[in-house]
Amino acid sequence: MLEARETLECRLAALAATRREEADLARIDAAVVFMASEVEADELGVEGDAAFHGAVTAAAHNGVLAHLMAALADQIAETRTESLREPGRPPRSLAAHRRIAAAIRAGDPRAAAAAMRRHLEEVADVGLLR
C-alpha cells in the first residue's frame, strides 16, 4: 500500500505544484487549517488529513491518477488512522502537510514530491505495518 501511495502521491504533489490554480491552493490551505483545528482539539486529524490528500490529488488535475487514488481510498483510510494513532504523529503529519503545501504554492514540483515522499516514509513507520 505504501509503495502504491508513494508512487501515486509523489507524482500528484509534483503535478499539483505545476498545475494548481488559486481555488486548488485555497482547498489545500483549508484542509491544513481543518487538520490544525483537529490537532489543537487533541483529535487525531483523520478528516483533515484525508481532506489534505484529496485536495492535493484534485490540484494535480489528472483524472486517471485521481481515479486510482479513489480505488485505494479504503486501504489508505485504514493506514491513515493507524498512523495518526502513533504517539506524537498528528502534529508531525500536520507539519509535513504544511511543507508539502508550501512547495505546491511555490510551484516547485521537485520540492513537493520530496516533501510528500518524506511524509509517506514517516507514515510507513506505523505499528500496523511493522
N, C-alpha and C. Protein backbone atom coordinates (compact mmCIF):
# COMPACT_ATOMS: atom_id res chain seq x y z
N MET A 1 0.82 -1.19 0.00
CA MET A 1 0.00 0.00 0.00
C MET A 1 0.86 1.26 0.00
N LEU A 2 1.87 1.25 0.86
CA LEU A 2 2.70 2.45 0.95
C LEU A 2 3.53 2.66 -0.31
N GLU A 3 3.93 1.58 -0.97
CA GLU A 3 4.63 1.72 -2.24
C GLU A 3 3.71 2.35 -3.28
N ALA A 4 2.46 1.91 -3.30
CA ALA A 4 1.48 2.48 -4.23
C ALA A 4 1.25 3.96 -3.92
N ARG A 5 1.11 4.27 -2.65
CA ARG A 5 0.89 5.67 -2.26
C ARG A 5 2.08 6.54 -2.66
N GLU A 6 3.28 6.03 -2.42
CA GLU A 6 4.45 6.83 -2.77
C GLU A 6 4.49 7.07 -4.28
N THR A 7 4.25 6.03 -5.04
CA THR A 7 4.26 6.16 -6.50
C THR A 7 3.24 7.19 -6.96
N LEU A 8 2.04 7.09 -6.46
CA LEU A 8 0.97 7.99 -6.89
C LEU A 8 1.07 9.38 -6.28
N GLU A 9 1.24 9.44 -4.97
CA GLU A 9 1.12 10.74 -4.30
C GLU A 9 2.32 11.65 -4.51
N CYS A 10 3.50 11.09 -4.70
CA CYS A 10 4.64 11.96 -5.01
C CYS A 10 4.45 12.60 -6.38
N ARG A 11 3.96 11.81 -7.32
CA ARG A 11 3.68 12.36 -8.66
C ARG A 11 2.54 13.37 -8.59
N LEU A 12 1.50 13.08 -7.82
CA LEU A 12 0.40 14.02 -7.67
C LEU A 12 0.88 15.34 -7.08
N ALA A 13 1.74 15.29 -6.09
CA ALA A 13 2.26 16.52 -5.48
C ALA A 13 3.05 17.33 -6.50
N ALA A 14 3.87 16.64 -7.29
CA ALA A 14 4.65 17.34 -8.32
C ALA A 14 3.73 17.98 -9.36
N LEU A 15 2.73 17.24 -9.80
CA LEU A 15 1.78 17.80 -10.77
C LEU A 15 1.01 18.96 -10.16
N ALA A 16 0.62 18.83 -8.91
CA ALA A 16 -0.11 19.92 -8.24
C ALA A 16 0.73 21.19 -8.22
N ALA A 17 2.02 21.05 -8.02
CA ALA A 17 2.90 22.22 -7.98
C ALA A 17 2.94 22.95 -9.32
N THR A 18 2.75 22.23 -10.40
CA THR A 18 2.81 22.87 -11.72
C THR A 18 1.44 23.24 -12.27
N ARG A 19 0.39 22.58 -11.80
CA ARG A 19 -0.95 22.78 -12.38
C ARG A 19 -1.94 23.49 -11.47
N ARG A 20 -1.58 23.70 -10.22
CA ARG A 20 -2.54 24.23 -9.26
C ARG A 20 -3.03 25.60 -9.67
N GLU A 21 -4.29 25.82 -9.33
CA GLU A 21 -4.93 27.11 -9.54
C GLU A 21 -5.25 27.70 -8.18
N GLU A 22 -5.67 28.93 -8.15
CA GLU A 22 -5.96 29.58 -6.86
C GLU A 22 -7.00 28.81 -6.05
N ALA A 23 -8.01 28.28 -6.71
CA ALA A 23 -9.04 27.51 -6.00
C ALA A 23 -8.43 26.26 -5.37
N ASP A 24 -7.47 25.65 -6.06
CA ASP A 24 -6.80 24.46 -5.52
C ASP A 24 -6.00 24.83 -4.28
N LEU A 25 -5.27 25.94 -4.36
CA LEU A 25 -4.48 26.38 -3.21
C LEU A 25 -5.39 26.69 -2.02
N ALA A 26 -6.54 27.28 -2.30
CA ALA A 26 -7.49 27.58 -1.22
C ALA A 26 -7.98 26.28 -0.57
N ARG A 27 -8.23 25.26 -1.38
CA ARG A 27 -8.70 23.98 -0.84
C ARG A 27 -7.60 23.31 -0.02
N ILE A 28 -6.37 23.36 -0.49
CA ILE A 28 -5.23 22.80 0.25
C ILE A 28 -5.08 23.53 1.58
N ASP A 29 -5.11 24.86 1.53
CA ASP A 29 -4.98 25.66 2.75
C ASP A 29 -6.10 25.36 3.74
N ALA A 30 -7.32 25.23 3.23
CA ALA A 30 -8.46 24.93 4.10
C ALA A 30 -8.30 23.58 4.78
N ALA A 31 -7.76 22.61 4.05
CA ALA A 31 -7.53 21.29 4.64
C ALA A 31 -6.48 21.36 5.75
N VAL A 32 -5.43 22.15 5.53
CA VAL A 32 -4.40 22.31 6.56
C VAL A 32 -5.00 22.97 7.80
N VAL A 33 -5.79 24.00 7.60
CA VAL A 33 -6.43 24.69 8.72
C VAL A 33 -7.37 23.74 9.46
N PHE A 34 -8.13 22.94 8.71
CA PHE A 34 -9.05 21.99 9.33
C PHE A 34 -8.28 20.96 10.16
N MET A 35 -7.19 20.42 9.61
CA MET A 35 -6.41 19.44 10.37
C MET A 35 -5.81 20.10 11.60
N ALA A 36 -5.34 21.34 11.47
CA ALA A 36 -4.77 22.05 12.62
C ALA A 36 -5.82 22.19 13.72
N SER A 37 -7.07 22.48 13.35
CA SER A 37 -8.11 22.61 14.37
C SER A 37 -8.38 21.27 15.05
N GLU A 38 -8.31 20.19 14.29
CA GLU A 38 -8.49 18.86 14.88
C GLU A 38 -7.35 18.55 15.86
N VAL A 39 -6.13 18.82 15.45
CA VAL A 39 -4.96 18.52 16.28
C VAL A 39 -4.99 19.38 17.55
N GLU A 40 -5.36 20.66 17.40
CA GLU A 40 -5.44 21.55 18.57
C GLU A 40 -6.51 21.09 19.55
N ALA A 41 -7.52 20.36 19.05
CA ALA A 41 -8.58 19.83 19.90
C ALA A 41 -8.24 18.44 20.42
N ASP A 42 -6.97 18.06 20.30
CA ASP A 42 -6.48 16.74 20.73
C ASP A 42 -7.17 15.59 20.02
N GLU A 43 -7.57 15.82 18.78
CA GLU A 43 -8.09 14.76 17.93
C GLU A 43 -6.96 14.24 17.05
N LEU A 44 -7.20 13.15 16.35
CA LEU A 44 -6.17 12.57 15.50
C LEU A 44 -5.92 13.37 14.22
N GLY A 45 -6.93 14.05 13.74
CA GLY A 45 -6.77 14.79 12.49
C GLY A 45 -7.06 13.97 11.26
N VAL A 46 -7.81 12.90 11.41
CA VAL A 46 -8.08 11.98 10.31
C VAL A 46 -8.81 12.67 9.16
N GLU A 47 -9.85 13.42 9.49
CA GLU A 47 -10.63 14.07 8.43
C GLU A 47 -9.82 15.15 7.72
N GLY A 48 -9.08 15.92 8.47
CA GLY A 48 -8.23 16.94 7.86
C GLY A 48 -7.14 16.33 7.00
N ASP A 49 -6.59 15.22 7.47
CA ASP A 49 -5.56 14.51 6.70
C ASP A 49 -6.14 14.04 5.36
N ALA A 50 -7.31 13.43 5.42
CA ALA A 50 -7.96 12.96 4.19
C ALA A 50 -8.28 14.13 3.27
N ALA A 51 -8.75 15.23 3.83
CA ALA A 51 -9.07 16.40 3.03
C ALA A 51 -7.82 16.96 2.35
N PHE A 52 -6.70 16.96 3.08
CA PHE A 52 -5.45 17.47 2.51
C PHE A 52 -5.02 16.63 1.32
N HIS A 53 -4.96 15.32 1.51
CA HIS A 53 -4.51 14.46 0.41
C HIS A 53 -5.48 14.52 -0.77
N GLY A 54 -6.78 14.66 -0.47
CA GLY A 54 -7.75 14.84 -1.54
C GLY A 54 -7.56 16.14 -2.29
N ALA A 55 -7.23 17.20 -1.57
CA ALA A 55 -7.00 18.50 -2.21
C ALA A 55 -5.76 18.47 -3.09
N VAL A 56 -4.72 17.80 -2.64
CA VAL A 56 -3.51 17.68 -3.47
C VAL A 56 -3.83 16.88 -4.72
N THR A 57 -4.57 15.80 -4.56
CA THR A 57 -4.97 14.98 -5.72
C THR A 57 -5.76 15.83 -6.71
N ALA A 58 -6.72 16.60 -6.23
CA ALA A 58 -7.53 17.44 -7.11
C ALA A 58 -6.68 18.50 -7.81
N ALA A 59 -5.71 19.05 -7.10
CA ALA A 59 -4.86 20.11 -7.66
C ALA A 59 -3.96 19.61 -8.78
N ALA A 60 -3.75 18.31 -8.86
CA ALA A 60 -2.93 17.75 -9.92
C ALA A 60 -3.65 17.75 -11.26
N HIS A 61 -4.97 17.83 -11.23
CA HIS A 61 -5.79 17.87 -12.45
C HIS A 61 -5.46 16.70 -13.39
N ASN A 62 -5.46 15.50 -12.81
CA ASN A 62 -5.25 14.28 -13.59
C ASN A 62 -6.31 13.27 -13.16
N GLY A 63 -7.30 13.11 -14.00
CA GLY A 63 -8.43 12.25 -13.68
C GLY A 63 -8.07 10.80 -13.48
N VAL A 64 -7.10 10.31 -14.25
CA VAL A 64 -6.70 8.90 -14.13
C VAL A 64 -6.05 8.65 -12.76
N LEU A 65 -5.13 9.52 -12.36
CA LEU A 65 -4.50 9.35 -11.06
C LEU A 65 -5.51 9.54 -9.93
N ALA A 66 -6.44 10.46 -10.09
CA ALA A 66 -7.49 10.65 -9.08
C ALA A 66 -8.34 9.39 -8.97
N HIS A 67 -8.63 8.75 -10.09
CA HIS A 67 -9.41 7.51 -10.08
C HIS A 67 -8.64 6.41 -9.34
N LEU A 68 -7.35 6.31 -9.57
CA LEU A 68 -6.53 5.31 -8.87
C LEU A 68 -6.52 5.57 -7.36
N MET A 69 -6.41 6.83 -6.97
CA MET A 69 -6.44 7.16 -5.54
C MET A 69 -7.80 6.80 -4.95
N ALA A 70 -8.86 7.05 -5.67
CA ALA A 70 -10.20 6.70 -5.18
C ALA A 70 -10.33 5.19 -5.00
N ALA A 71 -9.72 4.43 -5.90
CA ALA A 71 -9.79 2.97 -5.80
C ALA A 71 -9.06 2.46 -4.56
N LEU A 72 -8.09 3.21 -4.08
CA LEU A 72 -7.31 2.82 -2.90
C LEU A 72 -7.82 3.45 -1.61
N ALA A 73 -8.89 4.20 -1.70
CA ALA A 73 -9.35 5.01 -0.56
C ALA A 73 -9.58 4.21 0.72
N ASP A 74 -10.21 3.05 0.63
CA ASP A 74 -10.48 2.28 1.84
C ASP A 74 -9.20 1.80 2.51
N GLN A 75 -8.25 1.32 1.72
CA GLN A 75 -6.98 0.86 2.29
C GLN A 75 -6.18 2.03 2.85
N ILE A 76 -6.20 3.16 2.18
CA ILE A 76 -5.50 4.34 2.67
C ILE A 76 -6.11 4.80 3.99
N ALA A 77 -7.42 4.77 4.09
CA ALA A 77 -8.10 5.20 5.32
C ALA A 77 -7.63 4.37 6.51
N GLU A 78 -7.46 3.07 6.30
CA GLU A 78 -7.01 2.20 7.40
C GLU A 78 -5.60 2.57 7.85
N THR A 79 -4.68 2.74 6.91
CA THR A 79 -3.31 3.08 7.29
C THR A 79 -3.24 4.50 7.85
N ARG A 80 -4.08 5.40 7.35
CA ARG A 80 -4.10 6.79 7.84
C ARG A 80 -4.47 6.81 9.32
N THR A 81 -5.52 6.12 9.67
CA THR A 81 -5.98 6.10 11.06
C THR A 81 -4.93 5.48 11.97
N GLU A 82 -4.36 4.37 11.55
CA GLU A 82 -3.33 3.71 12.36
C GLU A 82 -2.12 4.61 12.53
N SER A 83 -1.71 5.28 11.47
CA SER A 83 -0.56 6.16 11.55
C SER A 83 -0.81 7.31 12.52
N LEU A 84 -1.99 7.92 12.42
CA LEU A 84 -2.29 9.07 13.27
C LEU A 84 -2.52 8.69 14.72
N ARG A 85 -2.66 7.41 15.00
CA ARG A 85 -2.77 6.95 16.39
C ARG A 85 -1.40 6.82 17.06
N GLU A 86 -0.35 6.84 16.28
CA GLU A 86 1.00 6.75 16.84
C GLU A 86 1.26 7.99 17.70
N PRO A 87 1.87 7.82 18.87
CA PRO A 87 2.13 8.96 19.75
C PRO A 87 2.90 10.08 19.04
N GLY A 88 2.38 11.29 19.13
CA GLY A 88 3.04 12.46 18.55
C GLY A 88 2.88 12.60 17.05
N ARG A 89 2.21 11.67 16.41
CA ARG A 89 2.11 11.70 14.95
C ARG A 89 1.24 12.82 14.40
N PRO A 90 0.06 13.12 14.97
CA PRO A 90 -0.77 14.16 14.35
C PRO A 90 -0.04 15.49 14.13
N PRO A 91 0.66 16.05 15.13
CA PRO A 91 1.34 17.32 14.84
C PRO A 91 2.47 17.18 13.82
N ARG A 92 3.12 16.03 13.79
CA ARG A 92 4.18 15.83 12.79
C ARG A 92 3.59 15.72 11.39
N SER A 93 2.45 15.06 11.27
CA SER A 93 1.80 14.98 9.96
C SER A 93 1.31 16.35 9.51
N LEU A 94 0.79 17.11 10.44
CA LEU A 94 0.36 18.47 10.11
C LEU A 94 1.54 19.30 9.61
N ALA A 95 2.67 19.21 10.27
CA ALA A 95 3.87 19.95 9.83
C ALA A 95 4.30 19.49 8.44
N ALA A 96 4.21 18.19 8.18
CA ALA A 96 4.56 17.67 6.85
C ALA A 96 3.61 18.22 5.80
N HIS A 97 2.33 18.29 6.13
CA HIS A 97 1.35 18.84 5.19
C HIS A 97 1.67 20.30 4.88
N ARG A 98 2.07 21.02 5.90
CA ARG A 98 2.43 22.43 5.67
C ARG A 98 3.63 22.55 4.73
N ARG A 99 4.60 21.65 4.85
CA ARG A 99 5.76 21.68 3.96
C ARG A 99 5.35 21.34 2.52
N ILE A 100 4.51 20.34 2.38
CA ILE A 100 4.03 19.96 1.05
C ILE A 100 3.25 21.12 0.44
N ALA A 101 2.36 21.70 1.22
CA ALA A 101 1.55 22.83 0.72
C ALA A 101 2.43 24.00 0.29
N ALA A 102 3.47 24.29 1.06
CA ALA A 102 4.37 25.40 0.72
C ALA A 102 5.08 25.14 -0.60
N ALA A 103 5.51 23.91 -0.82
CA ALA A 103 6.19 23.58 -2.07
C ALA A 103 5.22 23.66 -3.26
N ILE A 104 4.00 23.22 -3.05
CA ILE A 104 2.99 23.33 -4.11
C ILE A 104 2.71 24.80 -4.41
N ARG A 105 2.52 25.59 -3.36
CA ARG A 105 2.26 27.03 -3.54
C ARG A 105 3.43 27.70 -4.27
N ALA A 106 4.65 27.28 -3.97
CA ALA A 106 5.83 27.86 -4.61
C ALA A 106 5.99 27.40 -6.06
N GLY A 107 5.21 26.42 -6.47
CA GLY A 107 5.32 25.92 -7.83
C GLY A 107 6.56 25.10 -8.06
N ASP A 108 7.04 24.43 -7.02
CA ASP A 108 8.28 23.64 -7.09
C ASP A 108 7.95 22.15 -7.07
N PRO A 109 7.86 21.52 -8.24
CA PRO A 109 7.46 20.11 -8.28
C PRO A 109 8.44 19.16 -7.59
N ARG A 110 9.73 19.43 -7.68
CA ARG A 110 10.71 18.56 -7.01
C ARG A 110 10.57 18.64 -5.50
N ALA A 111 10.44 19.85 -4.98
CA ALA A 111 10.30 20.01 -3.54
C ALA A 111 8.98 19.40 -3.06
N ALA A 112 7.91 19.56 -3.85
CA ALA A 112 6.61 18.99 -3.47
C ALA A 112 6.69 17.47 -3.42
N ALA A 113 7.30 16.86 -4.42
CA ALA A 113 7.44 15.40 -4.44
C ALA A 113 8.32 14.93 -3.29
N ALA A 114 9.41 15.65 -3.04
CA ALA A 114 10.32 15.26 -1.95
C ALA A 114 9.64 15.38 -0.60
N ALA A 115 8.87 16.45 -0.40
CA ALA A 115 8.16 16.63 0.87
C ALA A 115 7.11 15.55 1.05
N MET A 116 6.43 15.19 -0.03
CA MET A 116 5.45 14.12 0.05
C MET A 116 6.14 12.79 0.37
N ARG A 117 7.27 12.53 -0.27
CA ARG A 117 8.00 11.29 -0.02
C ARG A 117 8.41 11.18 1.45
N ARG A 118 8.95 12.26 2.00
CA ARG A 118 9.35 12.26 3.42
C ARG A 118 8.14 11.99 4.31
N HIS A 119 7.03 12.60 3.98
CA HIS A 119 5.80 12.40 4.76
C HIS A 119 5.37 10.95 4.70
N LEU A 120 5.36 10.36 3.53
CA LEU A 120 4.91 8.98 3.39
C LEU A 120 5.88 8.00 4.03
N GLU A 121 7.17 8.32 4.03
CA GLU A 121 8.14 7.47 4.73
C GLU A 121 7.84 7.46 6.23
N GLU A 122 7.45 8.59 6.77
CA GLU A 122 7.10 8.64 8.19
C GLU A 122 5.81 7.87 8.44
N VAL A 123 4.85 8.00 7.53
CA VAL A 123 3.59 7.26 7.64
C VAL A 123 3.86 5.76 7.66
N ALA A 124 4.88 5.33 6.93
CA ALA A 124 5.20 3.90 6.85
C ALA A 124 5.67 3.35 8.20
N ASP A 125 6.13 4.22 9.07
CA ASP A 125 6.59 3.78 10.39
C ASP A 125 5.40 3.72 11.34
N VAL A 126 4.60 2.69 11.17
CA VAL A 126 3.38 2.52 11.96
C VAL A 126 3.27 1.07 12.37
N GLY A 127 2.76 0.85 13.56
CA GLY A 127 2.66 -0.50 14.12
C GLY A 127 1.98 -1.49 13.20
N LEU A 128 0.93 -1.06 12.51
CA LEU A 128 0.18 -1.94 11.61
C LEU A 128 1.08 -2.52 10.52
N LEU A 129 2.10 -1.76 10.14
CA LEU A 129 2.95 -2.17 9.01
C LEU A 129 4.32 -2.68 9.44
N ARG A 130 4.60 -2.67 10.74
CA ARG A 130 5.92 -3.13 11.21
C ARG A 130 5.99 -4.64 11.24
